[in-house]
Every structure is written in structure tokens, then in C-alpha cells.
PDB file of all heavy atoms in Angstrom:
ATOM      1  N   ALA A   1      12.049  -7.523 -15.190  1.00  0.00           N
ATOM      2  CA  ALA A   1      11.092  -8.749 -15.252  1.00  0.00           C
ATOM      3  C   ALA A   1      11.833 -10.006 -15.797  1.00  0.00           C
ATOM      4  O   ALA A   1      11.294 -11.164 -15.563  1.00  0.00           O
ATOM      5  CB  ALA A   1       9.755  -8.632 -15.881  1.00  0.00           C
ATOM      6  N   ASP A   2      12.864  -9.800 -16.502  1.00  0.00           N
ATOM      7  CA  ASP A   2      13.622 -11.006 -17.078  1.00  0.00           C
ATOM      8  C   ASP A   2      14.372 -11.868 -16.014  1.00  0.00           C
ATOM      9  O   ASP A   2      15.138 -11.375 -15.336  1.00  0.00           O
ATOM     10  CB  ASP A   2      14.649 -10.354 -18.049  1.00  0.00           C
ATOM     11  CG  ASP A   2      15.219 -11.457 -19.012  1.00  0.00           C
ATOM     12  OD1 ASP A   2      16.081 -12.267 -18.406  1.00  0.00           O
ATOM     13  OD2 ASP A   2      14.871 -11.659 -20.118  1.00  0.00           O
ATOM     14  N   SER A   3      13.973 -13.079 -16.028  1.00  0.00           N
ATOM     15  CA  SER A   3      14.459 -14.055 -15.013  1.00  0.00           C
ATOM     16  C   SER A   3      15.965 -14.267 -15.294  1.00  0.00           C
ATOM     17  O   SER A   3      16.681 -14.550 -14.288  1.00  0.00           O
ATOM     18  CB  SER A   3      13.792 -15.306 -15.061  1.00  0.00           C
ATOM     19  OG  SER A   3      13.822 -15.939 -16.255  1.00  0.00           O
ATOM     20  N   GLU A   4      16.447 -14.212 -16.451  1.00  0.00           N
ATOM     21  CA  GLU A   4      17.862 -14.338 -16.757  1.00  0.00           C
ATOM     22  C   GLU A   4      18.751 -13.291 -16.229  1.00  0.00           C
ATOM     23  O   GLU A   4      19.925 -13.549 -15.941  1.00  0.00           O
ATOM     24  CB  GLU A   4      18.171 -14.545 -18.285  1.00  0.00           C
ATOM     25  CG  GLU A   4      17.567 -15.802 -18.874  1.00  0.00           C
ATOM     26  CD  GLU A   4      18.207 -17.005 -18.412  1.00  0.00           C
ATOM     27  OE1 GLU A   4      19.518 -17.003 -18.330  1.00  0.00           O
ATOM     28  OE2 GLU A   4      17.623 -17.991 -18.147  1.00  0.00           O
ATOM     29  N   LEU A   5      18.328 -12.030 -16.031  1.00  0.00           N
ATOM     30  CA  LEU A   5      18.882 -10.908 -15.651  1.00  0.00           C
ATOM     31  C   LEU A   5      18.825 -10.651 -14.027  1.00  0.00           C
ATOM     32  O   LEU A   5      19.612  -9.985 -13.493  1.00  0.00           O
ATOM     33  CB  LEU A   5      18.519  -9.618 -16.378  1.00  0.00           C
ATOM     34  CG  LEU A   5      18.940  -9.576 -17.790  1.00  0.00           C
ATOM     35  CD1 LEU A   5      18.401  -8.426 -18.562  1.00  0.00           C
ATOM     36  CD2 LEU A   5      20.434  -9.615 -17.998  1.00  0.00           C
ATOM     37  N   ARG A   6      17.842 -11.293 -13.550  1.00  0.00           N
ATOM     38  CA  ARG A   6      17.552 -11.114 -12.142  1.00  0.00           C
ATOM     39  C   ARG A   6      18.621 -11.337 -11.275  1.00  0.00           C
ATOM     40  O   ARG A   6      19.256 -12.484 -11.378  1.00  0.00           O
ATOM     41  CB  ARG A   6      16.194 -11.752 -11.686  1.00  0.00           C
ATOM     42  CG  ARG A   6      15.657 -11.351 -10.461  1.00  0.00           C
ATOM     43  CD  ARG A   6      14.323 -11.878 -10.080  1.00  0.00           C
ATOM     44  NE  ARG A   6      13.313 -11.438 -11.159  1.00  0.00           N
ATOM     45  CZ  ARG A   6      12.642 -12.222 -11.781  1.00  0.00           C
ATOM     46  NH1 ARG A   6      12.683 -13.484 -11.774  1.00  0.00           N
ATOM     47  NH2 ARG A   6      11.774 -11.679 -12.726  1.00  0.00           N
ATOM     48  N   GLY A   7      19.173 -10.393 -10.533  1.00  0.00           N
ATOM     49  CA  GLY A   7      20.285 -10.657  -9.580  1.00  0.00           C
ATOM     50  C   GLY A   7      21.653 -10.440 -10.272  1.00  0.00           C
ATOM     51  O   GLY A   7      22.656 -10.469  -9.579  1.00  0.00           O
ATOM     52  N   ARG A   8      21.592 -10.270 -11.579  1.00  0.00           N
ATOM     53  CA  ARG A   8      22.858 -10.064 -12.325  1.00  0.00           C
ATOM     54  C   ARG A   8      23.038  -8.668 -12.964  1.00  0.00           C
ATOM     55  O   ARG A   8      24.073  -8.313 -13.500  1.00  0.00           O
ATOM     56  CB  ARG A   8      22.895 -11.000 -13.531  1.00  0.00           C
ATOM     57  CG  ARG A   8      22.977 -12.525 -13.211  1.00  0.00           C
ATOM     58  CD  ARG A   8      23.095 -13.258 -14.478  1.00  0.00           C
ATOM     59  NE  ARG A   8      23.147 -14.706 -14.160  1.00  0.00           N
ATOM     60  CZ  ARG A   8      23.142 -15.526 -15.142  1.00  0.00           C
ATOM     61  NH1 ARG A   8      23.189 -15.289 -16.339  1.00  0.00           N
ATOM     62  NH2 ARG A   8      23.086 -16.895 -14.866  1.00  0.00           N
ATOM     63  N   ALA A   9      21.900  -7.877 -12.766  1.00  0.00           N
ATOM     64  CA  ALA A   9      21.921  -6.600 -13.490  1.00  0.00           C
ATOM     65  C   ALA A   9      21.226  -5.529 -12.642  1.00  0.00           C
ATOM     66  O   ALA A   9      20.208  -5.769 -11.932  1.00  0.00           O
ATOM     67  CB  ALA A   9      21.280  -6.604 -14.844  1.00  0.00           C
ATOM     68  N   ARG A  10      21.877  -4.314 -12.644  1.00  0.00           N
ATOM     69  CA  ARG A  10      21.159  -3.232 -12.032  1.00  0.00           C
ATOM     70  C   ARG A  10      20.665  -2.287 -13.171  1.00  0.00           C
ATOM     71  O   ARG A  10      21.475  -1.804 -13.979  1.00  0.00           O
ATOM     72  CB  ARG A  10      22.185  -2.416 -11.116  1.00  0.00           C
ATOM     73  CG  ARG A  10      21.410  -1.354 -10.306  1.00  0.00           C
ATOM     74  CD  ARG A  10      22.307  -0.841  -9.201  1.00  0.00           C
ATOM     75  NE  ARG A  10      23.478   0.011  -9.882  1.00  0.00           N
ATOM     76  CZ  ARG A  10      24.712  -0.214  -9.709  1.00  0.00           C
ATOM     77  NH1 ARG A  10      25.225  -1.154  -8.983  1.00  0.00           N
ATOM     78  NH2 ARG A  10      25.647   0.550 -10.384  1.00  0.00           N
ATOM     79  N   VAL A  11      19.345  -2.023 -13.317  1.00  0.00           N
ATOM     80  CA  VAL A  11      18.841  -1.284 -14.349  1.00  0.00           C
ATOM     81  C   VAL A  11      18.165   0.061 -13.905  1.00  0.00           C
ATOM     82  O   VAL A  11      17.531   0.042 -12.943  1.00  0.00           O
ATOM     83  CB  VAL A  11      17.700  -2.152 -15.023  1.00  0.00           C
ATOM     84  CG1 VAL A  11      17.104  -1.378 -16.221  1.00  0.00           C
ATOM     85  CG2 VAL A  11      18.229  -3.560 -15.414  1.00  0.00           C
ATOM     86  N   SER A  12      18.497   1.135 -14.666  1.00  0.00           N
ATOM     87  CA  SER A  12      17.898   2.418 -14.373  1.00  0.00           C
ATOM     88  C   SER A  12      17.820   3.203 -15.588  1.00  0.00           C
ATOM     89  O   SER A  12      18.256   2.852 -16.672  1.00  0.00           O
ATOM     90  CB  SER A  12      18.863   3.268 -13.359  1.00  0.00           C
ATOM     91  OG  SER A  12      20.112   3.473 -14.123  1.00  0.00           O
ATOM     92  N   THR A  13      16.912   4.209 -15.568  1.00  0.00           N
ATOM     93  CA  THR A  13      16.661   5.086 -16.759  1.00  0.00           C
ATOM     94  C   THR A  13      17.291   6.462 -16.449  1.00  0.00           C
ATOM     95  O   THR A  13      17.545   6.865 -15.248  1.00  0.00           O
ATOM     96  CB  THR A  13      15.106   5.259 -17.005  1.00  0.00           C
ATOM     97  OG1 THR A  13      14.466   5.768 -15.843  1.00  0.00           O
ATOM     98  CG2 THR A  13      14.558   3.979 -17.418  1.00  0.00           C
ATOM     99  N   GLY A  14      17.520   7.220 -17.478  1.00  0.00           N
ATOM    100  CA  GLY A  14      18.016   8.508 -17.359  1.00  0.00           C
ATOM    101  C   GLY A  14      18.068   9.276 -18.716  1.00  0.00           C
ATOM    102  O   GLY A  14      17.404   8.800 -19.601  1.00  0.00           O
ATOM    103  N   ALA A  15      18.758  10.312 -18.740  1.00  0.00           N
ATOM    104  CA  ALA A  15      18.922  11.095 -19.963  1.00  0.00           C
ATOM    105  C   ALA A  15      20.346  11.252 -20.330  1.00  0.00           C
ATOM    106  O   ALA A  15      21.194  11.406 -19.482  1.00  0.00           O
ATOM    107  CB  ALA A  15      18.224  12.448 -19.907  1.00  0.00           C
ATOM    108  N   GLN A  16      20.655  11.214 -21.606  1.00  0.00           N
ATOM    109  CA  GLN A  16      21.989  11.353 -22.050  1.00  0.00           C
ATOM    110  C   GLN A  16      22.063  12.828 -22.632  1.00  0.00           C
ATOM    111  O   GLN A  16      21.276  13.185 -23.494  1.00  0.00           O
ATOM    112  CB  GLN A  16      22.281  10.350 -23.027  1.00  0.00           C
ATOM    113  CG  GLN A  16      23.708  10.339 -23.628  1.00  0.00           C
ATOM    114  CD  GLN A  16      23.924   9.233 -24.699  1.00  0.00           C
ATOM    115  OE1 GLN A  16      23.011   8.828 -25.318  1.00  0.00           O
ATOM    116  NE2 GLN A  16      25.193   8.825 -24.731  1.00  0.00           N
ATOM    117  N   ARG A  17      22.987  13.647 -22.252  1.00  0.00           N
ATOM    118  CA  ARG A  17      23.168  14.994 -22.756  1.00  0.00           C
ATOM    119  C   ARG A  17      23.607  14.916 -24.248  1.00  0.00           C
ATOM    120  O   ARG A  17      24.129  14.044 -24.652  1.00  0.00           O
ATOM    121  CB  ARG A  17      24.214  15.708 -21.976  1.00  0.00           C
ATOM    122  CG  ARG A  17      23.911  15.900 -20.612  1.00  0.00           C
ATOM    123  CD  ARG A  17      24.722  17.042 -20.201  1.00  0.00           C
ATOM    124  NE  ARG A  17      24.619  17.489 -18.677  1.00  0.00           N
ATOM    125  CZ  ARG A  17      23.537  18.083 -18.162  1.00  0.00           C
ATOM    126  NH1 ARG A  17      22.601  18.518 -18.970  1.00  0.00           N
ATOM    127  NH2 ARG A  17      23.523  18.352 -16.923  1.00  0.00           N
ATOM    128  N   PRO A  18      23.085  15.949 -25.007  1.00  0.00           N
ATOM    129  CA  PRO A  18      23.367  16.084 -26.413  1.00  0.00           C
ATOM    130  C   PRO A  18      24.894  16.269 -26.523  1.00  0.00           C
ATOM    131  O   PRO A  18      25.494  16.825 -25.599  1.00  0.00           O
ATOM    132  CB  PRO A  18      22.584  17.195 -26.909  1.00  0.00           C
ATOM    133  CG  PRO A  18      21.879  17.850 -25.795  1.00  0.00           C
ATOM    134  CD  PRO A  18      22.157  17.016 -24.572  1.00  0.00           C
ATOM    135  N   ALA A  19      25.400  15.816 -27.591  1.00  0.00           N
ATOM    136  CA  ALA A  19      26.809  16.035 -27.867  1.00  0.00           C
ATOM    137  C   ALA A  19      27.125  17.438 -28.029  1.00  0.00           C
ATOM    138  O   ALA A  19      26.287  18.268 -28.450  1.00  0.00           O
ATOM    139  CB  ALA A  19      27.199  15.215 -29.071  1.00  0.00           C
ATOM    140  N   ALA A  20      28.308  17.827 -27.794  1.00  0.00           N
ATOM    141  CA  ALA A  20      28.730  19.214 -27.917  1.00  0.00           C
ATOM    142  C   ALA A  20      28.399  19.798 -29.349  1.00  0.00           C
ATOM    143  O   ALA A  20      28.748  19.089 -30.288  1.00  0.00           O
ATOM    144  CB  ALA A  20      30.179  19.380 -27.627  1.00  0.00           C
ATOM    145  N   GLY A  21      27.868  20.894 -29.350  1.00  0.00           N
ATOM    146  CA  GLY A  21      27.493  21.482 -30.756  1.00  0.00           C
ATOM    147  C   GLY A  21      26.081  21.055 -31.366  1.00  0.00           C
ATOM    148  O   GLY A  21      25.744  21.526 -32.345  1.00  0.00           O
ATOM    149  N   HIS A  22      25.486  20.114 -30.625  1.00  0.00           N
ATOM    150  CA  HIS A  22      24.135  19.767 -31.096  1.00  0.00           C
ATOM    151  C   HIS A  22      23.093  20.313 -30.227  1.00  0.00           C
ATOM    152  O   HIS A  22      23.190  20.505 -28.920  1.00  0.00           O
ATOM    153  CB  HIS A  22      24.006  18.169 -30.909  1.00  0.00           C
ATOM    154  CG  HIS A  22      24.717  17.476 -31.963  1.00  0.00           C
ATOM    155  ND1 HIS A  22      26.120  17.214 -31.802  1.00  0.00           N
ATOM    156  CD2 HIS A  22      24.470  17.019 -33.242  1.00  0.00           C
ATOM    157  CE1 HIS A  22      26.487  16.463 -32.866  1.00  0.00           C
ATOM    158  NE2 HIS A  22      25.444  16.433 -33.808  1.00  0.00           N
ATOM    159  N   MET A  23      21.984  20.701 -30.838  1.00  0.00           N
ATOM    160  CA  MET A  23      20.862  21.391 -30.118  1.00  0.00           C
ATOM    161  C   MET A  23      19.848  20.298 -29.865  1.00  0.00           C
ATOM    162  O   MET A  23      19.893  19.206 -30.450  1.00  0.00           O
ATOM    163  CB  MET A  23      20.263  22.492 -31.024  1.00  0.00           C
ATOM    164  CG  MET A  23      21.240  23.612 -31.190  1.00  0.00           C
ATOM    165  SD  MET A  23      20.595  24.965 -32.270  1.00  0.00           S
ATOM    166  CE  MET A  23      18.957  24.876 -32.345  1.00  0.00           C
ATOM    167  N   GLY A  24      18.931  20.607 -28.945  1.00  0.00           N
ATOM    168  CA  GLY A  24      17.853  19.661 -28.719  1.00  0.00           C
ATOM    169  C   GLY A  24      17.927  18.946 -27.409  1.00  0.00           C
ATOM    170  O   GLY A  24      18.969  19.049 -26.768  1.00  0.00           O
ATOM    171  N   ASP A  25      16.976  18.147 -27.127  1.00  0.00           N
ATOM    172  CA  ASP A  25      16.922  17.355 -25.876  1.00  0.00           C
ATOM    173  C   ASP A  25      17.972  16.203 -25.911  1.00  0.00           C
ATOM    174  O   ASP A  25      18.220  15.681 -27.085  1.00  0.00           O
ATOM    175  CB  ASP A  25      15.444  16.803 -25.717  1.00  0.00           C
ATOM    176  CG  ASP A  25      14.496  17.923 -25.436  1.00  0.00           C
ATOM    177  OD1 ASP A  25      14.960  19.059 -24.899  1.00  0.00           O
ATOM    178  OD2 ASP A  25      13.323  17.709 -25.725  1.00  0.00           O
ATOM    179  N   GLY A  26      18.380  15.747 -24.787  1.00  0.00           N
ATOM    180  CA  GLY A  26      19.131  14.594 -24.761  1.00  0.00           C
ATOM    181  C   GLY A  26      18.313  13.350 -24.992  1.00  0.00           C
ATOM    182  O   GLY A  26      16.996  13.362 -24.904  1.00  0.00           O
TER     183      GLY A  26
END
């Protein structure tokens, strides 16, 4: 919704995998 970013940015959501050796959700 930010007018300053409109047309200048592609925005998406996702999940980042936990680092090696770490348990739990990303």
C-alpha cells in the first residue's frame, strides 16, 4: 500500500528454513 514503493518493489511472503543444527520452525 506504500505509494513510495509502488512500482519500485516486488513484495512476497515466505518461510526461511532454520539454520543447520537448529530445531524448530523456520
